[in-house]
């Protein structure tokens, strides 16, 4: 079993920055791909960024150049640094783990087997 707990959400003005953290329990973290997704009411959960257990990284085009994903295997934690935030970044952000000994980064939510509870990010204009 893996438990994921996000923190760092909140309200920020457009152009500002926030850093999300996702702390994972369990021994699978270092061999898991970790992803960040976001969701707004009435819309499907959307891929934001992911980092593989090898350190490969993939971003959605909408956040490329503004968001940075990283991981600290010693702390079982994955981070999402969000800069130059826009009102359209407003969403509930979820951390997810793919513990299937993945060979590739998956961008579909169905490819992840554990999820955090989500944290709200609101960007005001």
Protein backbone atom coordinates (compact mmCIF):
# COMPACT_ATOMS: atom_id res chain seq x y z
CA UNK A 1 0.00 0.00 0.00
CA UNK A 2 1.11 3.52 -0.80
CA UNK A 3 -0.33 6.63 0.77
CA UNK A 4 0.18 10.03 -0.82
CA UNK A 5 -0.34 13.31 1.01
CA UNK A 6 -0.16 16.60 -0.87
CA UNK A 7 0.57 19.95 0.70
CA UNK A 8 1.35 23.49 -0.41
CA UNK A 9 -1.86 24.52 -2.09
CA UNK A 10 -3.48 27.88 -1.66
CA UNK A 11 -4.43 31.20 -3.19
CA UNK A 12 -1.93 33.17 -5.24
CA UNK A 13 -2.07 36.12 -7.61
CA UNK A 14 -1.38 35.68 -11.30
CA UNK A 15 2.34 35.69 -11.94
CA UNK A 16 3.09 34.28 -8.52
CA UNK A 17 4.62 30.98 -7.46
CA UNK A 18 3.73 28.00 -5.32
CA UNK A 19 5.43 24.73 -4.52
CA UNK A 20 3.45 21.56 -4.00
CA UNK A 21 4.83 18.63 -2.08
CA UNK A 22 3.64 15.04 -2.07
CA UNK A 23 4.88 12.79 0.69
CA UNK A 24 4.63 9.07 0.04
CA UNK A 25 4.54 6.22 2.49
CA UNK A 26 5.69 2.71 1.64
CA UNK A 27 8.84 1.24 0.16
CA UNK A 28 7.78 1.53 -3.47
CA UNK A 29 8.56 5.21 -3.92
CA UNK A 30 12.06 4.91 -5.36
CA UNK A 31 10.88 2.44 -8.01
CA UNK A 32 7.69 4.32 -8.87
CA UNK A 33 6.93 6.94 -11.47
CA UNK A 34 5.29 9.96 -9.87
CA UNK A 35 2.87 12.30 -11.53
CA UNK A 36 0.92 15.46 -10.94
CA UNK A 37 -2.55 15.92 -12.37
CA UNK A 38 -5.17 18.62 -12.01
CA UNK A 39 -8.92 18.80 -12.30
CA UNK A 40 -11.55 21.51 -12.48
CA UNK A 41 -15.29 20.99 -11.98
CA UNK A 42 -16.95 19.27 -14.89
CA UNK A 43 -13.69 18.42 -16.62
CA UNK A 44 -11.58 15.30 -16.80
CA UNK A 45 -8.45 14.96 -14.75
CA UNK A 46 -5.57 16.47 -16.73
CA UNK A 47 -1.92 15.45 -16.83
CA UNK A 48 0.49 18.14 -15.63
CA UNK A 49 3.92 16.56 -15.13
CA UNK A 50 5.61 13.31 -14.25
CA UNK A 51 9.01 12.08 -13.21
CA UNK A 52 10.13 8.51 -13.65
CA UNK A 53 12.01 6.46 -11.11
CA UNK A 54 15.06 7.00 -13.35
CA UNK A 55 14.58 10.76 -13.30
CA UNK A 56 13.11 11.20 -16.77
CA UNK A 57 10.64 14.06 -16.89
CA UNK A 58 7.64 14.92 -19.02
CA UNK A 59 5.44 18.02 -18.92
CA UNK A 60 2.13 18.99 -20.42
CA UNK A 61 2.59 21.69 -23.05
CA UNK A 62 0.45 24.05 -21.01
CA UNK A 63 2.94 24.14 -18.13
CA UNK A 64 6.24 23.62 -19.92
CA UNK A 65 8.73 26.31 -18.98
CA UNK A 66 6.69 27.38 -15.94
CA UNK A 67 6.44 24.25 -13.78
CA UNK A 68 9.26 22.05 -12.54
CA UNK A 69 8.83 18.55 -11.13
CA UNK A 70 11.47 16.97 -8.93
CA UNK A 71 11.80 14.14 -6.45
CA UNK A 72 13.80 13.35 -3.34
CA UNK A 73 13.94 9.61 -2.89
CA UNK A 74 15.58 9.97 0.52
CA UNK A 75 12.48 11.84 1.72
CA UNK A 76 9.94 9.86 -0.33
CA UNK A 77 8.69 13.17 -1.66
CA UNK A 78 7.89 14.60 -5.07
CA UNK A 79 7.60 18.33 -5.68
CA UNK A 80 5.96 20.59 -8.20
CA UNK A 81 7.37 24.10 -8.39
CA UNK A 82 4.88 26.33 -10.15
CA UNK A 83 6.01 29.71 -11.42
CA UNK A 84 4.31 32.38 -13.52
CA UNK A 85 0.94 31.06 -12.47
CA UNK A 86 -2.10 31.93 -14.56
CA UNK A 87 -5.79 31.96 -13.65
CA UNK A 88 -6.26 28.94 -15.93
CA UNK A 89 -3.96 26.96 -13.62
CA UNK A 90 -6.71 27.09 -10.99
CA UNK A 91 -7.66 23.50 -10.15
CA UNK A 92 -7.41 20.76 -7.60
CA UNK A 93 -3.96 19.24 -7.98
CA UNK A 94 -3.40 15.55 -7.35
CA UNK A 95 -0.26 13.56 -6.80
CA UNK A 96 -0.21 10.04 -8.23
CA UNK A 97 2.07 7.02 -8.18
CA UNK A 98 2.61 4.38 -10.84
CA UNK A 99 4.01 1.45 -8.89
CA UNK A 100 3.91 -1.10 -11.69
CA UNK A 101 7.68 -1.04 -12.27
CA UNK A 102 6.99 1.18 -15.27
CA UNK A 103 9.29 1.39 -18.26
CA UNK A 104 7.77 4.60 -19.53
CA UNK A 105 6.03 7.68 -18.21
CA UNK A 106 2.28 7.42 -18.64
CA UNK A 107 0.15 10.55 -19.06
CA UNK A 108 -3.26 8.93 -18.69
CA UNK A 109 -4.73 8.97 -15.17
CA UNK A 110 -5.60 5.28 -15.55
CA UNK A 111 -1.91 4.44 -15.59
CA UNK A 112 -1.51 5.42 -11.94
CA UNK A 113 -2.63 3.18 -9.12
CA UNK A 114 -2.36 5.43 -6.07
CA UNK A 115 -3.65 8.96 -5.62
CA UNK A 116 -3.47 11.68 -3.04
CA UNK A 117 -6.48 13.53 -1.72
CA UNK A 118 -5.81 16.64 -3.79
CA UNK A 119 -4.96 20.21 -2.91
CA UNK A 120 -6.68 23.33 -4.23
CA UNK A 121 -4.73 25.92 -6.18
CA UNK A 122 -6.51 29.17 -6.92
CA UNK A 123 -4.86 31.81 -9.07
CA UNK A 124 -6.54 35.20 -9.00
CA UNK A 125 -6.29 37.63 -11.89
